[in-house]
Protein backbone atom coordinates (compact mmCIF):
# COMPACT_ATOMS: atom_id res chain seq x y z
CA UNK A 1 9.44 0.96 -2.16
CA UNK A 2 7.36 1.95 -5.17
CA UNK A 3 9.04 -0.51 -7.60
CA UNK A 4 8.59 -3.23 -4.99
CA UNK A 5 4.88 -2.45 -4.75
CA UNK A 6 4.62 -2.53 -8.56
CA UNK A 7 6.07 -6.03 -8.42
CA UNK A 8 3.13 -6.98 -6.23
CA UNK A 9 0.73 -5.70 -8.88
CA UNK A 10 2.32 -7.79 -11.60
CA UNK A 11 2.47 -10.87 -9.40
CA UNK A 12 -1.20 -10.52 -8.51
CA UNK A 13 -2.29 -10.40 -12.12
CA UNK A 14 0.07 -13.24 -13.05
CA UNK A 15 -0.58 -15.63 -10.14
CA UNK A 16 -4.32 -15.11 -9.92
CA UNK A 17 -4.69 -15.13 -13.73
CA UNK A 18 -6.69 -11.89 -13.92
CA UNK A 19 -6.66 -9.88 -17.12
CA UNK A 20 -4.71 -6.63 -16.90
CA UNK A 21 -7.54 -4.44 -18.15
CA UNK A 22 -8.10 -0.72 -17.92
CA UNK A 23 -8.37 -0.91 -14.12
CA UNK A 24 -4.81 -2.14 -13.87
CA UNK A 25 -3.32 1.22 -14.78
CA UNK A 26 -5.02 3.23 -12.02
CA UNK A 27 -3.96 0.52 -9.60
CA UNK A 28 -0.39 1.73 -10.10
CA UNK A 29 -1.47 5.18 -8.92
CA UNK A 30 -3.35 3.78 -5.94
CA UNK A 31 -0.49 1.57 -4.81
CA UNK A 32 2.15 4.26 -5.29
CA UNK A 33 0.05 6.84 -3.44
CA UNK A 34 -0.41 4.50 -0.48
CA UNK A 35 3.31 3.75 -0.49
CA UNK A 36 4.31 7.42 -0.61
CA UNK A 37 1.77 8.32 2.08
CA UNK A 38 3.14 5.59 4.36
CA UNK A 39 6.72 6.68 3.80
CA UNK A 40 5.88 10.33 4.46
CA UNK A 41 4.37 9.39 7.82
CA UNK A 42 7.42 7.33 8.79
CA UNK A 43 9.99 9.92 7.63
CA UNK A 44 8.13 12.71 9.41
CA UNK A 45 8.23 10.81 12.70
CA UNK A 46 11.85 9.83 12.09
CA UNK A 47 12.84 13.48 11.70
CA UNK A 48 10.86 14.46 14.79
CA UNK A 49 12.49 11.75 16.89
CA UNK A 50 15.93 12.73 15.55
CA UNK A 51 15.42 16.34 16.65
CA UNK A 52 14.42 15.25 20.16
CA UNK A 53 17.30 12.80 20.62
CA UNK A 54 20.09 13.51 18.13
CA UNK A 55 22.52 10.79 19.33
CA UNK A 56 20.69 7.43 18.93
CA UNK A 57 21.43 5.34 15.86
CA UNK A 58 19.41 5.80 12.70
CA UNK A 59 18.08 2.26 12.80
CA UNK A 60 16.69 2.72 16.32
CA UNK A 61 14.98 5.94 15.30
CA UNK A 62 13.57 4.36 12.15
CA UNK A 63 12.18 1.40 14.04
CA UNK A 64 10.66 3.72 16.64
CA UNK A 65 9.03 5.79 13.87
CA UNK A 66 7.86 2.64 12.09
CA UNK A 67 6.25 1.17 15.20
CA UNK A 68 4.70 4.54 16.03
CA UNK A 69 3.04 4.87 12.61
CA UNK A 70 2.22 1.26 11.72
CA UNK A 71 -1.34 1.43 13.06
CA UNK A 72 -2.46 4.46 10.96
CA UNK A 73 -0.70 3.01 7.91
CA UNK A 74 -2.36 -0.36 8.39
CA UNK A 75 -5.79 1.22 8.92
CA UNK A 76 -5.53 3.34 5.77
CA UNK A 77 -4.47 0.34 3.67
CA UNK A 78 -7.18 -1.93 5.04
CA UNK A 79 -9.94 0.68 4.72
CA UNK A 80 -8.94 1.32 1.12
CA UNK A 81 -8.99 -2.40 0.37
CA UNK A 82 -12.30 -3.03 2.11
CA UNK A 83 -13.92 -0.11 0.30
CA UNK A 84 -13.56 -1.91 -3.02
CA UNK A 85 -14.33 -5.40 -1.73
CA UNK A 86 -17.88 -5.46 -3.19
CA UNK A 87 -16.44 -4.90 -6.67
CA UNK A 88 -14.14 -7.88 -6.15
CA UNK A 89 -17.02 -10.13 -5.18
CA UNK A 90 -19.77 -8.93 -7.53
CA UNK A 91 -18.15 -6.86 -10.28
CA UNK A 92 -16.58 -9.39 -12.65
CA UNK A 93 -18.51 -7.94 -15.59
CA UNK A 94 -17.07 -4.45 -14.95
CA UNK A 95 -13.51 -4.62 -16.31
CA UNK A 96 -12.29 -1.34 -14.85
CA UNK A 97 -13.67 -1.70 -11.34
CA UNK A 98 -12.91 -5.40 -11.03
CA UNK A 99 -9.22 -5.01 -11.96
CA UNK A 100 -8.83 -2.01 -9.68
CA UNK A 101 -10.60 -3.77 -6.83
CA UNK A 102 -8.53 -6.95 -7.14
CA UNK A 103 -5.27 -5.03 -6.84
CA UNK A 104 -6.59 -2.81 -4.07
CA UNK A 105 -7.81 -5.81 -2.14
CA UNK A 106 -4.42 -7.52 -2.53
CA UNK A 107 -2.45 -4.49 -1.26
CA UNK A 108 -2.50 -5.60 2.39
CA UNK A 109 -1.10 -8.97 1.35
CA UNK A 110 1.96 -7.40 -0.27
CA UNK A 111 2.47 -4.69 2.35
CA UNK A 112 2.28 -7.10 5.24
């Protein structure tokens, strides 16, 4: 999942023609941390559901865990993106914050 999310970073900078400045590097950390956090939530629920009902198929348990955790995952991604929205709109002169905010704001597009 992390390499796939990194692809989204590169595509954002390429398609939207933004310079990959100093804010681009921390965007890798932000995207990978959101990805790992989301996967930890899903795997934790998957393991809990597997202990309660050990015989269902793995795909059924994964889908159940995914649907159970999609709302908190979505809320954490959207709140992170909206937190940096002002830098996207008004921070073009700040290279670090603008690059970081553009990627952070585009995260929901690539996750959903």
